[in-house]
Amino acid sequence: ITNYADSVKGRFTISRDNAKHTVYLQMDTLKPEDTALYYCNAY
């Protein structure tokens, strides 16, 4: 199950590959306001 911030809905897609222990963030139609330091979190 996924949840997104309103500001990225329809542009970003999160996915995971449990076999590779990896999570992805596909970011499309990027805007200048997307500029930031992006952190991965495990909870």
PDB file of all heavy atoms in Angstrom:
ATOM      1  N   ILE A   1       0.851  -1.195   0.000  1.00  0.00           N
ATOM      2  CA  ILE A   1       0.000   0.000   0.000  1.00  0.00           C
ATOM      3  C   ILE A   1       0.881   1.237   0.000  1.00  0.00           C
ATOM      4  O   ILE A   1       1.879   1.302   0.719  1.00  0.00           O
ATOM      5  CB  ILE A   1      -0.935  -0.003   1.214  1.00  0.00           C
ATOM      6  CG1 ILE A   1      -1.907  -1.183   1.113  1.00  0.00           C
ATOM      7  CG2 ILE A   1      -1.696   1.305   1.329  1.00  0.00           C
ATOM      8  CD1 ILE A   1      -2.769  -1.375   2.338  1.00  0.00           C
ATOM      9  N   THR A   2       0.495   2.220  -0.794  1.00  0.00           N
ATOM     10  CA  THR A   2       1.295   3.431  -0.943  1.00  0.00           C
ATOM     11  C   THR A   2       0.512   4.668  -0.517  1.00  0.00           C
ATOM     12  O   THR A   2      -0.717   4.701  -0.564  1.00  0.00           O
ATOM     13  CB  THR A   2       1.749   3.615  -2.398  1.00  0.00           C
ATOM     14  OG1 THR A   2       0.590   3.682  -3.245  1.00  0.00           O
ATOM     15  CG2 THR A   2       2.617   2.448  -2.854  1.00  0.00           C
ATOM     16  N   ASN A   3       1.257   5.684  -0.100  1.00  0.00           N
ATOM     17  CA  ASN A   3       0.693   6.999   0.193  1.00  0.00           C
ATOM     18  C   ASN A   3       1.643   8.058  -0.343  1.00  0.00           C
ATOM     19  O   ASN A   3       2.869   7.873  -0.294  1.00  0.00           O
ATOM     20  CB  ASN A   3       0.506   7.200   1.698  1.00  0.00           C
ATOM     21  CG  ASN A   3      -0.585   6.327   2.259  1.00  0.00           C
ATOM     22  OD1 ASN A   3      -0.320   5.237   2.766  1.00  0.00           O
ATOM     23  ND2 ASN A   3      -1.814   6.774   2.151  1.00  0.00           N
ATOM     24  N   TYR A   4       1.072   9.147  -0.832  1.00  0.00           N
ATOM     25  CA  TYR A   4       1.868  10.213  -1.420  1.00  0.00           C
ATOM     26  C   TYR A   4       1.478  11.574  -0.842  1.00  0.00           C
ATOM     27  O   TYR A   4       0.315  11.806  -0.491  1.00  0.00           O
ATOM     28  CB  TYR A   4       1.659  10.273  -2.936  1.00  0.00           C
ATOM     29  CG  TYR A   4       2.122   9.050  -3.678  1.00  0.00           C
ATOM     30  CD1 TYR A   4       1.258   7.979  -3.907  1.00  0.00           C
ATOM     31  CD2 TYR A   4       3.429   8.968  -4.153  1.00  0.00           C
ATOM     32  CE1 TYR A   4       1.680   6.855  -4.584  1.00  0.00           C
ATOM     33  CE2 TYR A   4       3.865   7.850  -4.836  1.00  0.00           C
ATOM     34  CZ  TYR A   4       2.986   6.795  -5.052  1.00  0.00           C
ATOM     35  OH  TYR A   4       3.419   5.686  -5.726  1.00  0.00           O
ATOM     36  N   ALA A   5       2.443  12.469  -0.802  1.00  0.00           N
ATOM     37  CA  ALA A   5       2.135  13.867  -0.522  1.00  0.00           C
ATOM     38  C   ALA A   5       1.306  14.420  -1.682  1.00  0.00           C
ATOM     39  O   ALA A   5       1.520  14.041  -2.843  1.00  0.00           O
ATOM     40  CB  ALA A   5       3.419  14.656  -0.366  1.00  0.00           C
ATOM     41  N   ASP A   6       0.393  15.311  -1.371  1.00  0.00           N
ATOM     42  CA  ASP A   6      -0.461  15.883  -2.418  1.00  0.00           C
ATOM     43  C   ASP A   6       0.361  16.540  -3.524  1.00  0.00           C
ATOM     44  O   ASP A   6      -0.014  16.506  -4.696  1.00  0.00           O
ATOM     45  CB  ASP A   6      -1.423  16.903  -1.809  1.00  0.00           C
ATOM     46  CG  ASP A   6      -2.523  16.254  -1.002  1.00  0.00           C
ATOM     47  OD1 ASP A   6      -2.749  15.036  -1.157  1.00  0.00           O
ATOM     48  OD2 ASP A   6      -3.155  16.966  -0.201  1.00  0.00           O
ATOM     49  N   SER A   7       1.492  17.116  -3.137  1.00  0.00           N
ATOM     50  CA  SER A   7       2.299  17.874  -4.090  1.00  0.00           C
ATOM     51  C   SER A   7       2.958  16.989  -5.156  1.00  0.00           C
ATOM     52  O   SER A   7       3.405  17.502  -6.182  1.00  0.00           O
ATOM     53  CB  SER A   7       3.379  18.665  -3.356  1.00  0.00           C
ATOM     54  OG  SER A   7       4.218  17.794  -2.621  1.00  0.00           O
ATOM     55  N   VAL A   8       3.013  15.676  -4.918  1.00  0.00           N
ATOM     56  CA  VAL A   8       3.687  14.790  -5.881  1.00  0.00           C
ATOM     57  C   VAL A   8       2.749  13.756  -6.496  1.00  0.00           C
ATOM     58  O   VAL A   8       3.162  13.001  -7.377  1.00  0.00           O
ATOM     59  CB  VAL A   8       4.890  14.069  -5.237  1.00  0.00           C
ATOM     60  CG1 VAL A   8       5.840  15.076  -4.602  1.00  0.00           C
ATOM     61  CG2 VAL A   8       4.445  13.018  -4.238  1.00  0.00           C
ATOM     62  N   LYS A   9       1.493  13.725  -6.058  1.00  0.00           N
ATOM     63  CA  LYS A   9       0.546  12.745  -6.592  1.00  0.00           C
ATOM     64  C   LYS A   9       0.415  12.904  -8.105  1.00  0.00           C
ATOM     65  O   LYS A   9       0.280  14.017  -8.613  1.00  0.00           O
ATOM     66  CB  LYS A   9      -0.823  12.925  -5.941  1.00  0.00           C
ATOM     67  CG  LYS A   9      -0.935  12.307  -4.564  1.00  0.00           C
ATOM     68  CD  LYS A   9      -2.326  12.509  -3.978  1.00  0.00           C
ATOM     69  CE  LYS A   9      -2.409  11.922  -2.583  1.00  0.00           C
ATOM     70  NZ  LYS A   9      -3.729  12.179  -1.942  1.00  0.00           N
ATOM     71  N   GLY A  10       0.464  11.774  -8.790  1.00  0.00           N
ATOM     72  CA  GLY A  10       0.353  11.790 -10.239  1.00  0.00           C
ATOM     73  C   GLY A  10       1.671  12.022 -10.960  1.00  0.00           C
ATOM     74  O   GLY A  10       1.748  11.856 -12.184  1.00  0.00           O
ATOM     75  N   ARG A  11       2.707  12.395 -10.228  1.00  0.00           N
ATOM     76  CA  ARG A  11       4.020  12.636 -10.839  1.00  0.00           C
ATOM     77  C   ARG A  11       5.086  11.663 -10.336  1.00  0.00           C
ATOM     78  O   ARG A  11       5.989  11.292 -11.096  1.00  0.00           O
ATOM     79  CB  ARG A  11       4.480  14.068 -10.548  1.00  0.00           C
ATOM     80  CG  ARG A  11       3.559  15.144 -11.071  1.00  0.00           C
ATOM     81  CD  ARG A  11       4.182  16.527 -10.923  1.00  0.00           C
ATOM     82  NE  ARG A  11       4.439  16.896  -9.534  1.00  0.00           N
ATOM     83  CZ  ARG A  11       5.645  17.210  -9.048  1.00  0.00           C
ATOM     84  NH1 ARG A  11       6.711  17.187  -9.842  1.00  0.00           N
ATOM     85  NH2 ARG A  11       5.788  17.546  -7.770  1.00  0.00           N
ATOM     86  N   PHE A  12       4.996  11.253  -9.076  1.00  0.00           N
ATOM     87  CA  PHE A  12       5.981  10.368  -8.470  1.00  0.00           C
ATOM     88  C   PHE A  12       5.344   9.002  -8.224  1.00  0.00           C
ATOM     89  O   PHE A  12       4.152   8.904  -7.919  1.00  0.00           O
ATOM     90  CB  PHE A  12       6.468  10.917  -7.132  1.00  0.00           C
ATOM     91  CG  PHE A  12       7.318  12.155  -7.219  1.00  0.00           C
ATOM     92  CD1 PHE A  12       7.466  12.872  -8.404  1.00  0.00           C
ATOM     93  CD2 PHE A  12       7.981  12.614  -6.093  1.00  0.00           C
ATOM     94  CE1 PHE A  12       8.242  14.005  -8.470  1.00  0.00           C
ATOM     95  CE2 PHE A  12       8.765  13.744  -6.129  1.00  0.00           C
ATOM     96  CZ  PHE A  12       8.891  14.445  -7.325  1.00  0.00           C
ATOM     97  N   THR A  13       6.179   7.949  -8.320  1.00  0.00           N
ATOM     98  CA  THR A  13       5.733   6.596  -8.040  1.00  0.00           C
ATOM     99  C   THR A  13       6.758   5.896  -7.169  1.00  0.00           C
ATOM    100  O   THR A  13       7.938   5.815  -7.538  1.00  0.00           O
ATOM    101  CB  THR A  13       5.539   5.795  -9.334  1.00  0.00           C
ATOM    102  OG1 THR A  13       4.627   6.480 -10.198  1.00  0.00           O
ATOM    103  CG2 THR A  13       4.987   4.405  -9.023  1.00  0.00           C
ATOM    104  N   ILE A  14       6.302   5.382  -6.031  1.00  0.00           N
ATOM    105  CA  ILE A  14       7.178   4.611  -5.144  1.00  0.00           C
ATOM    106  C   ILE A  14       6.926   3.126  -5.380  1.00  0.00           C
ATOM    107  O   ILE A  14       5.786   2.706  -5.593  1.00  0.00           O
ATOM    108  CB  ILE A  14       6.952   4.993  -3.665  1.00  0.00           C
ATOM    109  CG1 ILE A  14       8.025   4.358  -2.780  1.00  0.00           C
ATOM    110  CG2 ILE A  14       5.548   4.626  -3.197  1.00  0.00           C
ATOM    111  CD1 ILE A  14       8.016   4.891  -1.340  1.00  0.00           C
ATOM    112  N   SER A  15       7.993   2.342  -5.336  1.00  0.00           N
ATOM    113  CA  SER A  15       7.872   0.892  -5.496  1.00  0.00           C
ATOM    114  C   SER A  15       8.977   0.221  -4.708  1.00  0.00           C
ATOM    115  O   SER A  15       9.933   0.885  -4.268  1.00  0.00           O
ATOM    116  CB  SER A  15       7.943   0.494  -6.980  1.00  0.00           C
ATOM    117  OG  SER A  15       9.189   0.876  -7.551  1.00  0.00           O
ATOM    118  N   ARG A  16       8.849  -1.082  -4.524  1.00  0.00           N
ATOM    119  CA  ARG A  16       9.861  -1.809  -3.761  1.00  0.00           C
ATOM    120  C   ARG A  16      10.096  -3.169  -4.390  1.00  0.00           C
ATOM    121  O   ARG A  16       9.178  -3.764  -4.977  1.00  0.00           O
ATOM    122  CB  ARG A  16       9.452  -1.948  -2.291  1.00  0.00           C
ATOM    123  CG  ARG A  16       8.210  -2.784  -2.041  1.00  0.00           C
ATOM    124  CD  ARG A  16       7.740  -2.653  -0.579  1.00  0.00           C
ATOM    125  NE  ARG A  16       8.703  -3.205   0.356  1.00  0.00           N
ATOM    126  CZ  ARG A  16       8.724  -2.904   1.658  1.00  0.00           C
ATOM    127  NH1 ARG A  16       7.834  -2.055   2.167  1.00  0.00           N
ATOM    128  NH2 ARG A  16       9.626  -3.465   2.448  1.00  0.00           N
ATOM    129  N   ASP A  17      11.328  -3.644  -4.234  1.00  0.00           N
ATOM    130  CA  ASP A  17      11.714  -4.987  -4.659  1.00  0.00           C
ATOM    131  C   ASP A  17      12.287  -5.670  -3.426  1.00  0.00           C
ATOM    132  O   ASP A  17      13.439  -5.432  -3.048  1.00  0.00           O
ATOM    133  CB  ASP A  17      12.741  -4.914  -5.792  1.00  0.00           C
ATOM    134  CG  ASP A  17      13.089  -6.270  -6.366  1.00  0.00           C
ATOM    135  OD1 ASP A  17      12.968  -7.281  -5.642  1.00  0.00           O
ATOM    136  OD2 ASP A  17      13.521  -6.331  -7.524  1.00  0.00           O
ATOM    137  N   ASN A  18      11.477  -6.488  -2.794  1.00  0.00           N
ATOM    138  CA  ASN A  18      11.904  -7.109  -1.535  1.00  0.00           C
ATOM    139  C   ASN A  18      13.093  -8.051  -1.734  1.00  0.00           C
ATOM    140  O   ASN A  18      13.922  -8.204  -0.830  1.00  0.00           O
ATOM    141  CB  ASN A  18      10.740  -7.845  -0.897  1.00  0.00           C
ATOM    142  CG  ASN A  18       9.707  -6.898  -0.314  1.00  0.00           C
ATOM    143  OD1 ASN A  18       9.986  -5.721  -0.082  1.00  0.00           O
ATOM    144  ND2 ASN A  18       8.504  -7.398  -0.093  1.00  0.00           N
ATOM    145  N   ALA A  19      13.172  -8.671  -2.886  1.00  0.00           N
ATOM    146  CA  ALA A  19      14.281  -9.587  -3.152  1.00  0.00           C
ATOM    147  C   ALA A  19      15.617  -8.850  -3.220  1.00  0.00           C
ATOM    148  O   ALA A  19      16.664  -9.405  -2.883  1.00  0.00           O
ATOM    149  CB  ALA A  19      14.038 -10.346  -4.446  1.00  0.00           C
ATOM    150  N   LYS A  20      15.557  -7.590  -3.665  1.00  0.00           N
ATOM    151  CA  LYS A  20      16.777  -6.783  -3.775  1.00  0.00           C
ATOM    152  C   LYS A  20      16.961  -5.837  -2.599  1.00  0.00           C
ATOM    153  O   LYS A  20      17.914  -5.055  -2.571  1.00  0.00           O
ATOM    154  CB  LYS A  20      16.751  -5.982  -5.087  1.00  0.00           C
ATOM    155  CG  LYS A  20      16.792  -6.840  -6.340  1.00  0.00           C
ATOM    156  CD  LYS A  20      16.832  -5.992  -7.597  1.00  0.00           C
ATOM    157  CE  LYS A  20      16.931  -6.855  -8.843  1.00  0.00           C
ATOM    158  NZ  LYS A  20      16.952  -6.047 -10.089  1.00  0.00           N
ATOM    159  N   HIS A  21      16.037  -5.869  -1.642  1.00  0.00           N
ATOM    160  CA  HIS A  21      16.096  -4.973  -0.479  1.00  0.00           C
ATOM    161  C   HIS A  21      16.179  -3.520  -0.919  1.00  0.00           C
ATOM    162  O   HIS A  21      16.926  -2.727  -0.334  1.00  0.00           O
ATOM    163  CB  HIS A  21      17.292  -5.329   0.409  1.00  0.00           C
ATOM    164  CG  HIS A  21      17.115  -6.596   1.164  1.00  0.00           C
ATOM    165  ND1 HIS A  21      17.850  -6.922   2.288  1.00  0.00           N
ATOM    166  CD2 HIS A  21      16.290  -7.654   0.958  1.00  0.00           C
ATOM    167  CE1 HIS A  21      17.484  -8.108   2.724  1.00  0.00           C
ATOM    168  NE2 HIS A  21      16.537  -8.581   1.932  1.00  0.00           N
ATOM    169  N   THR A  22      15.426  -3.170  -1.930  1.00  0.00           N
ATOM    170  CA  THR A  22      15.535  -1.855  -2.533  1.00  0.00           C
ATOM    171  C   THR A  22      14.161  -1.216  -2.702  1.00  0.00           C
ATOM    172  O   THR A  22      13.202  -1.883  -3.076  1.00  0.00           O
ATOM    173  CB  THR A  22      16.247  -1.945  -3.898  1.00  0.00           C
ATOM    174  OG1 THR A  22      17.557  -2.476  -3.707  1.00  0.00           O
ATOM    175  CG2 THR A  22      16.370  -0.578  -4.548  1.00  0.00           C
ATOM    176  N   VAL A  23      14.114   0.084  -2.433  1.00  0.00           N
ATOM    177  CA  VAL A  23      12.922   0.880  -2.687  1.00  0.00           C
ATOM    178  C   VAL A  23      13.284   1.953  -3.717  1.00  0.00           C
ATOM    179  O   VAL A  23      14.411   2.467  -3.716  1.00  0.00           O
ATOM    180  CB  VAL A  23      12.370   1.506  -1.395  1.00  0.00           C
ATOM    181  CG1 VAL A  23      13.379   2.430  -0.731  1.00  0.00           C
ATOM    182  CG2 VAL A  23      11.055   2.238  -1.640  1.00  0.00           C
ATOM    183  N   TYR A  24      12.344   2.245  -4.594  1.00  0.00           N
ATOM    184  CA  TYR A  24      12.569   3.187  -5.685  1.00  0.00           C
ATOM    185  C   TYR A  24      11.596   4.356  -5.590  1.00  0.00           C
ATOM    186  O   TYR A  24      10.489   4.231  -5.063  1.00  0.00           O
ATOM    187  CB  TYR A  24      12.377   2.495  -7.041  1.00  0.00           C
ATOM    188  CG  TYR A  24      13.224   1.272  -7.235  1.00  0.00           C
ATOM    189  CD1 TYR A  24      12.701  -0.001  -6.996  1.00  0.00           C
ATOM    190  CD2 TYR A  24      14.538   1.380  -7.664  1.00  0.00           C
ATOM    191  CE1 TYR A  24      13.475  -1.143  -7.176  1.00  0.00           C
ATOM    192  CE2 TYR A  24      15.321   0.247  -7.848  1.00  0.00           C
ATOM    193  CZ  TYR A  24      14.782  -1.002  -7.601  1.00  0.00           C
ATOM    194  OH  TYR A  24      15.557  -2.132  -7.775  1.00  0.00           O
ATOM    195  N   LEU A  25      12.014   5.479  -6.149  1.00  0.00           N
ATOM    196  CA  LEU A  25      11.118   6.608  -6.317  1.00  0.00           C
ATOM    197  C   LEU A  25      11.296   7.123  -7.747  1.00  0.00           C
ATOM    198  O   LEU A  25      12.327   7.707  -8.070  1.00  0.00           O
ATOM    199  CB  LEU A  25      11.404   7.732  -5.323  1.00  0.00           C
ATOM    200  CG  LEU A  25      10.412   8.894  -5.374  1.00  0.00           C
ATOM    201  CD1 LEU A  25       9.036   8.440  -4.867  1.00  0.00           C
ATOM    202  CD2 LEU A  25      10.919  10.070  -4.533  1.00  0.00           C
ATOM    203  N   GLN A  26      10.314   6.843  -8.592  1.00  0.00           N
ATOM    204  CA  GLN A  26      10.316   7.363  -9.953  1.00  0.00           C
ATOM    205  C   GLN A  26       9.685   8.750  -9.928  1.00  0.00           C
ATOM    206  O   GLN A  26       8.538   8.900  -9.502  1.00  0.00           O
ATOM    207  CB  GLN A  26       9.525   6.439 -10.881  1.00  0.00           C
ATOM    208  CG  GLN A  26       9.410   6.927 -12.309  1.00  0.00           C
ATOM    209  CD  GLN A  26      10.743   6.973 -13.027  1.00  0.00           C
ATOM    210  OE1 GLN A  26      11.561   6.064 -12.886  1.00  0.00           O
ATOM    211  NE2 GLN A  26      10.983   8.031 -13.801  1.00  0.00           N
ATOM    212  N   MET A  27      10.445   9.731 -10.367  1.00  0.00           N
ATOM    213  CA  MET A  27       9.987  11.113 -10.325  1.00  0.00           C
ATOM    214  C   MET A  27       9.886  11.648 -11.753  1.00  0.00           C
ATOM    215  O   MET A  27      10.895  11.729 -12.458  1.00  0.00           O
ATOM    216  CB  MET A  27      10.965  11.965  -9.507  1.00  0.00           C
ATOM    217  CG  MET A  27      11.192  11.440  -8.103  1.00  0.00           C
ATOM    218  SD  MET A  27      12.213  12.542  -7.098  1.00  0.00           S
ATOM    219  CE  MET A  27      13.759  12.452  -7.974  1.00  0.00           C
ATOM    220  N   ASP A  28       8.679  11.966 -12.161  1.00  0.00           N
ATOM    221  CA  ASP A  28       8.423  12.494 -13.502  1.00  0.00           C
ATOM    222  C   ASP A  28       7.881  13.909 -13.405  1.00  0.00           C
ATOM    223  O   ASP A  28       7.405  14.345 -12.353  1.00  0.00           O
ATOM    224  CB  ASP A  28       7.432  11.592 -14.234  1.00  0.00           C
ATOM    225  CG  ASP A  28       7.958  10.185 -14.439  1.00  0.00           C
ATOM    226  OD1 ASP A  28       9.130  10.038 -14.822  1.00  0.00           O
ATOM    227  OD2 ASP A  28       7.186   9.229 -14.211  1.00  0.00           O
ATOM    228  N   THR A  29       7.932  14.605 -14.528  1.00  0.00           N
ATOM    229  CA  THR A  29       7.429  15.989 -14.602  1.00  0.00           C
ATOM    230  C   THR A  29       7.955  16.823 -13.431  1.00  0.00           C
ATOM    231  O   THR A  29       7.207  17.475 -12.698  1.00  0.00           O
ATOM    232  CB  THR A  29       5.884  16.011 -14.617  1.00  0.00           C
ATOM    233  OG1 THR A  29       5.380  14.954 -15.443  1.00  0.00           O
ATOM    234  CG2 THR A  29       5.365  17.334 -15.170  1.00  0.00           C
ATOM    235  N   LEU A  30       9.248  16.769 -13.247  1.00  0.00           N
ATOM    236  CA  LEU A  30       9.862  17.454 -12.111  1.00  0.00           C
ATOM    237  C   LEU A  30       9.727  18.960 -12.233  1.00  0.00           C
ATOM    238  O   LEU A  30       9.768  19.524 -13.341  1.00  0.00           O
ATOM    239  CB  LEU A  30      11.332  17.042 -11.983  1.00  0.00           C
ATOM    240  CG  LEU A  30      11.533  15.666 -11.340  1.00  0.00           C
ATOM    241  CD1 LEU A  30      12.897  15.101 -11.706  1.00  0.00           C
ATOM    242  CD2 LEU A  30      11.361  15.770  -9.841  1.00  0.00           C
ATOM    243  N   LYS A  31       9.582  19.604 -11.083  1.00  0.00           N
ATOM    244  CA  LYS A  31       9.423  21.049 -10.987  1.00  0.00           C
ATOM    245  C   LYS A  31      10.558  21.630 -10.142  1.00  0.00           C
ATOM    246  O   LYS A  31      11.114  20.920  -9.295  1.00  0.00           O
ATOM    247  CB  LYS A  31       8.080  21.382 -10.328  1.00  0.00           C
ATOM    248  CG  LYS A  31       6.870  20.780 -11.020  1.00  0.00           C
ATOM    249  CD  LYS A  31       5.608  21.078 -10.222  1.00  0.00           C
ATOM    250  CE  LYS A  31       4.379  20.468 -10.878  1.00  0.00           C
ATOM    251  NZ  LYS A  31       3.145  20.757 -10.102  1.00  0.00           N
ATOM    252  N   PRO A  32      10.851  22.900 -10.317  1.00  0.00           N
ATOM    253  CA  PRO A  32      11.903  23.514  -9.483  1.00  0.00           C
ATOM    254  C   PRO A  32      11.631  23.357  -7.985  1.00  0.00           C
ATOM    255  O   PRO A  32      12.578  23.200  -7.205  1.00  0.00           O
ATOM    256  CB  PRO A  32      11.860  24.983  -9.911  1.00  0.00           C
ATOM    257  CG  PRO A  32      11.392  24.934 -11.327  1.00  0.00           C
ATOM    258  CD  PRO A  32      10.394  23.822 -11.373  1.00  0.00           C
ATOM    259  N   GLU A  33      10.371  23.354  -7.603  1.00  0.00           N
ATOM    260  CA  GLU A  33      10.038  23.211  -6.175  1.00  0.00           C
ATOM    261  C   GLU A  33      10.275  21.802  -5.642  1.00  0.00           C
ATOM    262  O   GLU A  33      10.141  21.565  -4.440  1.00  0.00           O
ATOM    263  CB  GLU A  33       8.588  23.636  -5.902  1.00  0.00           C
ATOM    264  CG  GLU A  33       7.552  23.005  -6.803  1.00  0.00           C
ATOM    265  CD  GLU A  33       7.189  23.895  -7.984  1.00  0.00           C
ATOM    266  OE1 GLU A  33       8.102  24.500  -8.599  1.00  0.00           O
ATOM    267  OE2 GLU A  33       5.990  23.973  -8.306  1.00  0.00           O
ATOM    268  N   ASP A  34      10.618  20.861  -6.499  1.00  0.00           N
ATOM    269  CA  ASP A  34      11.008  19.518  -6.054  1.00  0.00           C
ATOM    270  C   ASP A  34      12.477  19.470  -5.624  1.00  0.00           C
ATOM    271  O   ASP A  34      12.939  18.442  -5.112  1.00  0.00           O
ATOM    272  CB  ASP A  34      10.790  18.495  -7.166  1.00  0.00           C
ATOM    273  CG  ASP A  34       9.323  18.321  -7.531  1.00  0.00           C
ATOM    274  OD1 ASP A  34       8.488  18.268  -6.617  1.00  0.00           O
ATOM    275  OD2 ASP A  34       9.021  18.239  -8.735  1.00  0.00           O
ATOM    276  N   THR A  35      13.198  20.547  -5.827  1.00  0.00           N
ATOM    277  CA  THR A  35      14.603  20.605  -5.434  1.00  0.00           C
ATOM    278  C   THR A  35      14.745  20.427  -3.931  1.00  0.00           C
ATOM    279  O   THR A  35      14.119  21.148  -3.154  1.00  0.00           O
ATOM    280  CB  THR A  35      15.224  21.942  -5.867  1.00  0.00           C
ATOM    281  OG1 THR A  35      15.230  22.015  -7.299  1.00  0.00           O
ATOM    282  CG2 THR A  35      16.643  22.077  -5.345  1.00  0.00           C
ATOM    283  N   ALA A  36      15.527  19.439  -3.536  1.00  0.00           N
ATOM    284  CA  ALA A  36      15.696  19.130  -2.107  1.00  0.00           C
ATOM    285  C   ALA A  36      16.708  18.007  -1.955  1.00  0.00           C
ATOM    286  O   ALA A  36      17.099  17.358  -2.930  1.00  0.00           O
ATOM    287  CB  ALA A  36      14.365  18.715  -1.492  1.00  0.00           C
ATOM    288  N   LEU A  37      17.067  17.762  -0.708  1.00  0.00           N
ATOM    289  CA  LEU A  37      17.820  16.575  -0.347  1.00  0.00           C
ATOM    290  C   LEU A  37      16.802  15.487  -0.015  1.00  0.00           C
ATOM    291  O   LEU A  37      15.938  15.699   0.840  1.00  0.00           O
ATOM    292  CB  LEU A  37      18.725  16.865   0.845  1.00  0.00           C
ATOM    293  CG  LEU A  37      19.760  15.827   1.234  1.00  0.00           C
ATOM    294  CD1 LEU A  37      20.711  15.550   0.073  1.00  0.00           C
ATOM    295  CD2 LEU A  37      20.537  16.290   2.458  1.00  0.00           C
ATOM    296  N   TYR A  38      16.882  14.376  -0.717  1.00  0.00           N
ATOM    297  CA  TYR A  38      15.912  13.295  -0.561  1.00  0.00           C
ATOM    298  C   TYR A  38      16.501  12.185   0.308  1.00  0.00           C
ATOM    299  O   TYR A  38      17.595  11.684   0.036  1.00  0.00           O
ATOM    300  CB  TYR A  38      15.516  12.745  -1.934  1.00  0.00           C
ATOM    301  CG  TYR A  38      14.536  13.637  -2.664  1.00  0.00           C
ATOM    302  CD1 TYR A  38      14.938  14.866  -3.170  1.00  0.00           C
ATOM    303  CD2 TYR A  38      13.209  13.255  -2.833  1.00  0.00           C
ATOM    304  CE1 TYR A  38      14.040  15.696  -3.826  1.00  0.00           C
ATOM    305  CE2 TYR A  38      12.307  14.074  -3.490  1.00  0.00           C
ATOM    306  CZ  TYR A  38      12.726  15.297  -3.981  1.00  0.00           C
ATOM    307  OH  TYR A  38      11.824  16.116  -4.627  1.00  0.00           O
ATOM    308  N   TYR A  39      15.733  11.807   1.318  1.00  0.00           N
ATOM    309  CA  TYR A  39      16.177  10.804   2.280  1.00  0.00           C
ATOM    310  C   TYR A  39      15.313   9.545   2.184  1.00  0.00           C
ATOM    311  O   TYR A  39      14.085   9.628   2.057  1.00  0.00           O
ATOM    312  CB  TYR A  39      16.050  11.330   3.703  1.00  0.00           C
ATOM    313  CG  TYR A  39      16.960  12.484   4.035  1.00  0.00           C
ATOM    314  CD1 TYR A  39      16.519  13.791   3.888  1.00  0.00           C
ATOM    315  CD2 TYR A  39      18.251  12.267   4.522  1.00  0.00           C
ATOM    316  CE1 TYR A  39      17.339  14.856   4.206  1.00  0.00           C
ATOM    317  CE2 TYR A  39      19.075  13.332   4.844  1.00  0.00           C
ATOM    318  CZ  TYR A  39      18.614  14.620   4.688  1.00  0.00           C
ATOM    319  OH  TYR A  39      19.436  15.671   5.003  1.00  0.00           O
ATOM    320  N   CYS A  40      15.959   8.422   2.324  1.00  0.00           N
ATOM    321  CA  CYS A  40      15.280   7.141   2.432  1.00  0.00           C
ATOM    322  C   CYS A  40      15.042   6.835   3.913  1.00  0.00           C
ATOM    323  O   CYS A  40      15.885   7.135   4.760  1.00  0.00           O
ATOM    324  CB  CYS A  40      16.161   6.059   1.801  1.00  0.00           C
ATOM    325  SG  CYS A  40      15.507   4.391   1.874  1.00  0.00           S
ATOM    326  N   ASN A  41      13.887   6.238   4.205  1.00  0.00           N
ATOM    327  CA  ASN A  41      13.535   5.900   5.582  1.00  0.00           C
ATOM    328  C   ASN A  41      12.998   4.489   5.652  1.00  0.00           C
ATOM    329  O   ASN A  41      12.262   4.045   4.764  1.00  0.00           O
ATOM    330  CB  ASN A  41      12.478   6.874   6.103  1.00  0.00           C
ATOM    331  CG  ASN A  41      11.974   6.502   7.476  1.00  0.00           C
ATOM    332  OD1 ASN A  41      10.933   5.874   7.617  1.00  0.00           O
ATOM    333  ND2 ASN A  41      12.705   6.898   8.497  1.00  0.00           N
ATOM    334  N   ALA A  42      13.368   3.786   6.727  1.00  0.00           N
ATOM    335  CA  ALA A  42      12.841   2.449   6.996  1.00  0.00           C
ATOM    336  C   ALA A  42      12.250   2.462   8.394  1.00  0.00           C
ATOM    337  O   ALA A  42      12.913   2.857   9.358  1.00  0.00           O
ATOM    338  CB  ALA A  42      13.948   1.399   6.897  1.00  0.00           C
ATOM    339  N   TYR A  43      10.979   2.030   8.500  1.00  0.00           N
ATOM    340  CA  TYR A  43      10.273   2.115   9.779  1.00  0.00           C
ATOM    341  C   TYR A  43       9.537   0.808  10.056  1.00  0.00           C
ATOM    342  O   TYR A  43       8.834   0.281   9.202  1.00  0.00           O
ATOM    343  CB  TYR A  43       9.280   3.263   9.746  1.00  0.00           C
ATOM    344  CG  TYR A  43       8.349   3.297  10.932  1.00  0.00           C
ATOM    345  CD1 TYR A  43       8.803   3.725  12.170  1.00  0.00           C
ATOM    346  CD2 TYR A  43       7.042   2.846  10.823  1.00  0.00           C
ATOM    347  CE1 TYR A  43       7.962   3.722  13.270  1.00  0.00           C
ATOM    348  CE2 TYR A  43       6.196   2.842  11.909  1.00  0.00           C
ATOM    349  CZ  TYR A  43       6.661   3.283  13.132  1.00  0.00           C
ATOM    350  OH  TYR A  43       5.836   3.269  14.220  1.00  0.00           O
TER     351      TYR A  43
END
